[in-house]
């Protein structure tokens, strides 16, 4: 399921800030922080997937115009 790119970026920034805050409080990585990292990886994957999809659409449009 695709989420809005802006909402993914917003969520990513919130999670990164939360991770940073937790690290400053604890001084080392915790299990909760590892879970945040997994969520961040998934968000990054979704953003990459959307970027690839967007480029493919643009290429298909360019090919249609060229033919």
Protein backbone atom coordinates (compact mmCIF):
# COMPACT_ATOMS: atom_id res chain seq x y z
CA UNK A 1 0.00 0.00 0.00
CA UNK A 2 1.37 3.38 -1.02
CA UNK A 3 1.30 6.21 1.44
CA UNK A 4 1.62 9.80 0.39
CA UNK A 5 5.31 10.62 -0.12
CA UNK A 6 5.04 13.66 2.14
CA UNK A 7 3.46 11.63 4.96
CA UNK A 8 6.25 9.04 4.67
CA UNK A 9 8.91 11.71 4.88
CA UNK A 10 7.15 13.30 7.85
CA UNK A 11 6.92 9.93 9.62
CA UNK A 12 10.61 9.28 8.86
CA UNK A 13 11.64 12.62 10.37
CA UNK A 14 9.54 12.00 13.49
CA UNK A 15 11.05 8.54 13.99
CA UNK A 16 14.59 9.84 13.44
CA UNK A 17 14.04 12.58 16.03
CA UNK A 18 12.60 10.03 18.46
CA UNK A 19 15.57 7.70 17.92
CA UNK A 20 18.02 10.58 18.47
CA UNK A 21 16.22 11.68 21.65
CA UNK A 22 16.23 8.13 23.02
CA UNK A 23 19.93 7.78 22.28
CA UNK A 24 20.70 11.02 24.10
CA UNK A 25 18.68 9.83 27.11
CA UNK A 26 19.99 6.25 27.25
CA UNK A 27 23.48 6.69 25.85
CA UNK A 28 23.27 3.43 23.91
CA UNK A 29 20.98 1.63 21.52
CA UNK A 30 17.93 -0.10 23.04
CA UNK A 31 15.53 -2.70 21.70
CA UNK A 32 12.93 0.04 21.18
CA UNK A 33 15.44 1.95 19.08
CA UNK A 34 16.10 -1.15 16.99
CA UNK A 35 12.36 -1.36 16.30
CA UNK A 36 12.41 2.27 15.17
CA UNK A 37 15.30 1.43 12.83
CA UNK A 38 13.21 -1.34 11.28
CA UNK A 39 10.33 1.09 10.73
CA UNK A 40 12.75 3.59 9.18
CA UNK A 41 14.08 0.93 6.80
CA UNK A 42 10.53 0.12 5.69
CA UNK A 43 9.74 3.79 5.11
CA UNK A 44 12.92 4.20 3.07
CA UNK A 45 12.00 1.10 1.05
CA UNK A 46 8.57 2.54 0.32
CA UNK A 47 10.07 5.88 -0.72
CA UNK A 48 12.50 4.13 -3.09
CA UNK A 49 9.69 2.01 -4.50
CA UNK A 50 7.59 5.11 -5.15
CA UNK A 51 10.53 6.85 -6.83
CA UNK A 52 11.09 3.89 -9.14
CA UNK A 53 7.38 3.75 -9.96
CA UNK A 54 7.36 7.47 -10.74
CA UNK A 55 10.40 7.20 -13.04
CA UNK A 56 8.86 4.24 -14.87
CA UNK A 57 5.67 6.20 -15.46
CA UNK A 58 7.65 9.17 -16.78
CA UNK A 59 9.65 6.92 -19.11
CA UNK A 60 6.50 5.28 -20.42
CA UNK A 61 4.98 8.70 -21.08
CA UNK A 62 8.15 9.81 -22.89
CA UNK A 63 8.10 6.66 -25.00
CA UNK A 64 4.44 7.18 -25.87
CA UNK A 65 5.14 10.76 -26.93
CA UNK A 66 8.14 9.69 -29.01
CA UNK A 67 6.20 7.06 -30.96
